[in-house]
Protein backbone atom coordinates (compact mmCIF):
# COMPACT_ATOMS: atom_id res chain seq x y z
CA MET A 1 17.87 -76.71 55.84
CA LEU A 2 17.34 -73.31 57.42
CA THR A 3 20.01 -70.75 56.76
CA ARG A 4 22.83 -70.16 59.21
CA LEU A 5 21.55 -66.84 60.53
CA LEU A 6 18.22 -68.35 61.52
CA ALA A 7 20.02 -70.97 63.57
CA ALA A 8 22.01 -68.28 65.35
CA LEU A 9 18.92 -66.21 66.03
CA PHE A 10 17.12 -69.23 67.43
CA ALA A 11 19.94 -69.74 69.89
CA LEU A 12 19.77 -66.10 70.97
CA ALA A 13 16.03 -66.34 71.41
CA PHE A 14 16.33 -69.41 73.62
CA ALA A 15 18.51 -67.37 75.96
CA GLY A 16 15.35 -65.38 76.75
CA ALA A 17 13.06 -68.37 76.74
CA GLY A 18 11.84 -67.58 80.24
CA VAL A 19 9.61 -64.90 78.69
CA PRO A 20 6.70 -66.65 76.99
CA SER A 21 5.74 -65.68 73.47
CA ALA A 22 2.63 -63.55 72.99
CA ASN A 23 1.64 -66.13 70.39
CA ALA A 24 2.40 -69.18 72.53
CA ALA A 25 -1.12 -70.61 72.20
CA ILE A 26 -1.54 -69.87 68.51
CA ASP A 27 -1.17 -72.23 65.60
CA HIS A 28 -0.27 -69.84 62.79
CA THR A 29 -1.42 -70.42 59.24
CA VAL A 30 0.49 -70.19 55.97
CA THR A 31 -1.48 -69.40 52.83
CA LEU A 32 0.27 -70.61 49.69
CA VAL A 33 -0.54 -68.66 46.52
CA ASN A 34 0.30 -69.85 43.02
CA ASN A 35 0.89 -66.97 40.62
CA THR A 36 3.48 -68.81 38.53
CA GLY A 37 1.35 -69.26 35.42
CA GLN A 38 1.64 -73.05 35.70
CA THR A 39 0.45 -75.87 37.95
CA ILE A 40 2.61 -76.53 41.00
CA TRP A 41 2.67 -79.12 43.73
CA VAL A 42 3.62 -77.56 47.05
CA GLY A 43 6.52 -79.25 48.82
CA SER A 44 7.58 -78.95 52.44
CA THR A 45 10.51 -80.28 54.43
CA VAL A 46 11.30 -79.91 58.14
CA ASN A 47 14.39 -79.75 60.32
CA ALA A 48 15.54 -82.91 62.07
CA ASP A 49 14.55 -81.45 65.45
CA GLY A 50 11.17 -83.08 66.03
CA SER A 51 9.27 -80.69 63.75
CA ARG A 52 6.24 -82.50 62.38
CA ALA A 53 6.33 -83.19 58.64
CA LEU A 54 3.29 -81.85 56.80
CA THR A 55 1.02 -84.09 54.78
CA ASN A 56 -1.89 -83.38 52.43
CA LEU A 57 0.11 -80.67 50.69
CA PRO A 58 -1.89 -79.07 47.87
CA MET A 59 -1.62 -79.09 44.12
CA LEU A 60 -2.38 -75.57 42.91
CA HIS A 61 -3.39 -74.50 39.44
CA ASN A 62 -2.39 -70.99 38.45
CA GLY A 63 -4.33 -68.44 40.50
CA GLN A 64 -5.28 -70.90 43.22
CA SER A 65 -4.32 -70.77 46.88
CA ALA A 66 -4.52 -73.06 49.89
CA THR A 67 -4.00 -72.53 53.61
CA VAL A 68 -2.19 -74.90 55.94
CA THR A 69 -2.10 -74.74 59.73
CA ILE A 70 1.34 -75.03 61.32
CA PRO A 71 1.38 -77.60 64.17
CA GLU A 72 3.60 -75.50 66.40
CA THR A 73 1.65 -75.91 69.66
CA SER A 74 1.88 -79.70 69.52
CA ALA A 75 4.97 -81.45 70.84
CA PRO A 76 7.81 -80.42 70.63
CA GLY A 77 6.35 -76.88 70.66
CA HIS A 78 7.96 -75.62 67.48
CA TRP A 79 7.94 -76.07 63.70
CA ARG A 80 10.96 -75.28 61.59
CA GLY A 81 10.78 -75.98 57.91
CA THR A 82 10.32 -74.87 54.34
CA PHE A 83 7.76 -74.53 51.56
CA PHE A 84 8.61 -74.64 47.86
CA ALA A 85 7.01 -75.07 44.46
CA ARG A 86 7.44 -78.45 42.78
CA GLN A 87 7.25 -77.87 39.03
CA GLY A 88 6.91 -80.06 35.98
CA CYS A 89 5.54 -83.00 37.92
CA THR A 90 4.33 -86.16 36.22
CA GLY A 91 3.43 -89.73 37.11
CA THR A 92 1.25 -91.48 39.66
CA SER A 93 1.53 -90.61 43.34
CA GLY A 94 3.14 -93.41 45.32
CA ALA A 95 4.53 -95.08 42.22
CA ASN A 96 6.44 -92.94 39.72
CA PHE A 97 5.54 -89.35 40.63
CA ARG A 98 8.53 -87.11 39.93
CA CYS A 99 9.10 -83.38 39.45
CA ALA A 100 11.52 -81.51 37.21
CA VAL A 101 12.16 -78.89 39.92
CA GLY A 102 11.98 -79.36 43.70
CA ASP A 103 11.51 -83.13 43.53
CA CYS A 104 11.13 -84.69 46.98
CA GLY A 105 9.97 -88.23 46.31
CA VAL A 106 7.13 -90.22 44.82
CA GLN A 107 4.28 -88.88 46.98
CA ALA A 108 2.31 -86.00 45.46
CA ALA A 109 0.88 -84.74 48.77
CA ARG A 110 3.98 -84.97 50.96
CA CYS A 111 7.74 -85.09 50.79
CA VAL A 112 9.56 -88.31 51.54
CA THR A 113 13.08 -87.07 50.73
CA GLY A 114 14.88 -83.75 50.96
CA GLU A 115 14.06 -81.35 48.15
CA GLN A 116 16.17 -81.01 45.04
CA PRO A 117 17.43 -77.41 44.59
CA ALA A 118 14.64 -74.85 44.42
CA SER A 119 13.57 -71.46 45.77
CA LEU A 120 12.56 -71.81 49.44
CA ALA A 121 10.28 -70.04 51.92
CA GLU A 122 11.80 -70.82 55.33
CA PHE A 123 10.15 -70.50 58.75
CA ASN A 124 10.79 -70.94 62.45
CA PHE A 125 7.61 -71.06 64.54
CA ASP A 126 8.46 -71.50 68.24
CA THR A 127 6.08 -71.16 71.18
CA ARG A 128 9.03 -70.58 73.56
CA ASP A 129 10.49 -67.71 71.55
CA ARG A 130 8.85 -64.35 72.24
CA LEU A 131 10.23 -62.95 68.96
CA ALA A 132 9.02 -65.78 66.73
CA PRO A 133 7.93 -66.45 64.05
CA TRP A 134 11.13 -65.93 62.05
CA TYR A 135 11.08 -66.21 58.27
CA ASN A 136 13.15 -65.69 55.13
CA VAL A 137 13.28 -66.44 51.42
CA SER A 138 16.30 -68.49 50.38
CA TYR A 139 17.83 -68.77 46.93
CA VAL A 140 20.98 -70.23 48.50
CA ASN A 141 20.64 -73.59 46.75
CA ALA A 142 18.87 -72.41 43.61
CA PHE A 143 16.48 -69.95 42.05
CA SER A 144 13.48 -71.61 40.42
CA VAL A 145 10.62 -69.12 40.87
CA PRO A 146 10.38 -65.76 42.65
CA VAL A 147 9.05 -66.13 46.20
CA SER A 148 7.73 -63.53 48.63
CA ILE A 149 6.55 -63.89 52.24
CA SER A 150 4.25 -61.32 53.83
CA PRO A 151 2.70 -61.44 57.32
CA VAL A 152 -1.08 -61.54 57.73
CA ASN A 153 -2.89 -59.41 60.34
CA ALA A 154 0.44 -58.09 61.59
CA THR A 155 0.97 -55.55 64.33
CA GLY A 156 4.31 -54.62 65.73
CA PRO A 157 7.04 -52.03 66.09
CA PRO A 158 8.70 -50.41 63.06
CA GLY A 159 11.21 -52.72 61.44
CA SER A 160 9.34 -55.92 62.20
CA CYS A 161 6.88 -57.86 60.04
CA GLY A 162 8.46 -56.90 56.72
CA THR A 163 8.01 -58.63 53.37
CA ALA A 164 10.78 -61.08 52.52
CA GLY A 165 11.90 -62.02 49.03
CA CYS A 166 10.80 -60.35 45.81
CA THR A 167 8.83 -60.82 42.59
CA THR A 168 11.82 -60.54 40.25
CA ASN A 169 12.56 -63.36 37.80
CA MET A 170 16.28 -64.18 37.95
CA LEU A 171 16.32 -66.93 35.33
CA PRO A 172 17.14 -64.65 32.36
CA GLN A 173 20.20 -63.33 34.24
CA CYS A 174 21.47 -66.78 35.25
CA ASN A 175 24.91 -67.82 33.99
CA PRO A 176 24.21 -70.49 31.33
CA ALA A 177 26.61 -72.82 33.16
CA TYR A 178 24.16 -72.99 36.08
CA VAL A 179 20.92 -73.30 34.11
CA LYS A 180 18.68 -76.37 34.11
CA TYR A 181 16.36 -76.70 31.12
CA GLY A 182 12.88 -78.16 30.79
CA ALA A 183 11.52 -80.57 28.21
CA ASN A 184 10.74 -77.71 25.82
CA GLY A 185 14.15 -76.11 26.18
CA GLN A 186 12.99 -73.37 28.56
CA ARG A 187 14.99 -72.29 31.59
CA ILE A 188 13.42 -73.85 34.68
CA ASN A 189 16.11 -73.54 37.36
CA CYS A 190 19.36 -71.79 38.19
CA VAL A 191 21.49 -73.85 40.61
CA ASN A 192 24.06 -72.14 42.83
CA PRO A 193 27.54 -73.51 42.00
CA ASN A 194 28.85 -72.82 45.52
CA ARG A 195 26.37 -72.02 48.29
CA ASP A 196 29.18 -71.17 50.76
CA ALA A 197 31.01 -68.54 48.72
CA GLN A 198 30.26 -65.31 46.92
CA THR A 199 30.02 -65.96 43.19
CA ASP A 200 28.49 -64.34 40.13
CA TYR A 201 25.34 -66.28 41.09
CA SER A 202 25.06 -64.69 44.55
CA ASN A 203 26.03 -61.25 43.26
CA THR A 204 23.26 -61.40 40.66
CA ILE A 205 20.68 -62.44 43.26
CA LYS A 206 21.77 -59.79 45.77
CA SER A 207 21.67 -56.97 43.23
CA ARG A 208 18.11 -57.78 42.15
CA CYS A 209 16.57 -59.25 45.30
CA PRO A 210 18.35 -57.93 48.41
CA LYS A 211 15.66 -59.27 50.77
CA ALA A 212 16.47 -62.91 50.03
CA TYR A 213 19.42 -65.11 50.90
CA ALA A 214 21.81 -65.54 47.95
CA TRP A 215 24.58 -67.48 49.72
CA SER A 216 24.91 -69.20 53.09
CA LYS A 217 26.91 -66.53 54.90
CA GLN A 218 25.13 -63.47 53.56
CA ASP A 219 23.92 -62.72 57.08
CA THR A 220 27.51 -61.73 57.98
CA GLU A 221 27.51 -58.89 55.49
CA PRO A 222 26.93 -55.43 57.00
CA GLY A 223 23.46 -54.08 56.30
CA ASN A 224 22.08 -57.35 54.98
CA GLN A 225 18.26 -57.77 54.85
CA THR A 226 18.02 -61.54 54.84
CA VAL A 227 15.93 -62.53 57.87
CA PHE A 228 12.65 -61.23 59.31
CA GLN A 229 10.51 -61.73 62.39
CA CYS A 230 6.90 -60.95 63.25
CA ALA A 231 5.86 -61.73 66.81
CA ASN A 232 2.28 -60.52 66.36
CA CYS A 233 0.48 -61.90 63.33
CA SER A 234 -2.03 -64.61 62.55
CA GLY A 235 0.14 -66.16 59.86
CA PHE A 236 1.80 -65.57 56.51
CA LYS A 237 1.16 -65.50 52.79
CA VAL A 238 3.75 -67.23 50.63
CA THR A 239 3.41 -66.28 46.97
CA PHE A 240 5.13 -68.12 44.15
CA HIS A 241 5.43 -65.63 41.30
CA SER A 242 5.65 -65.96 37.54
CA VAL A 243 8.86 -66.44 35.57
CA ALA A 244 7.18 -65.55 32.28
């Protein structure tokens, strides 16, 4: 789920786990903002590492926001997972609820399967990691809407607590071979043909949104700006931007 660099950074952080995090007793919040111009259903998935799956995820009309509290101080002492915008959703929750983009099962307020390809906001909250939280925007699997992540009430040294992602709509630049279309013929998703290699897809993403992951090994490229950390903040704002 989380990109390869995050996993490597987590391992490095655990090497210094004897130093407690300044935020060890804090449950951070994530405020989810819908600026897409359409109604979205927020989705969230977690790593298979004991991270607690979130329930009661919000439906947001355009312009609305909602705040969730991350259960990082409960066992196992971390939360590693994603947020994404489910789009074009129809049906009755628990019965036939489905989404055209980011579908993750029949429940409107929680995910019961892994997400179908979509833009992701990825996080690692860890009470044992003095550098956490870590965060990034990933278009590795697909680009559906622009996503940005910005820390809230952040203090820290220069170079930390930056804004990840961007507000740029990549759908018009997507190779038609990778495009998924909606019921009205509009472009609704651009799916990466090969997440583990550099392609015209990843090159397009990198040129227009250098602060987001475009392919799985982008963190190995010199000077990449794919992953961020902010040890001193109260939480984050994740904004889903318009593709109009």
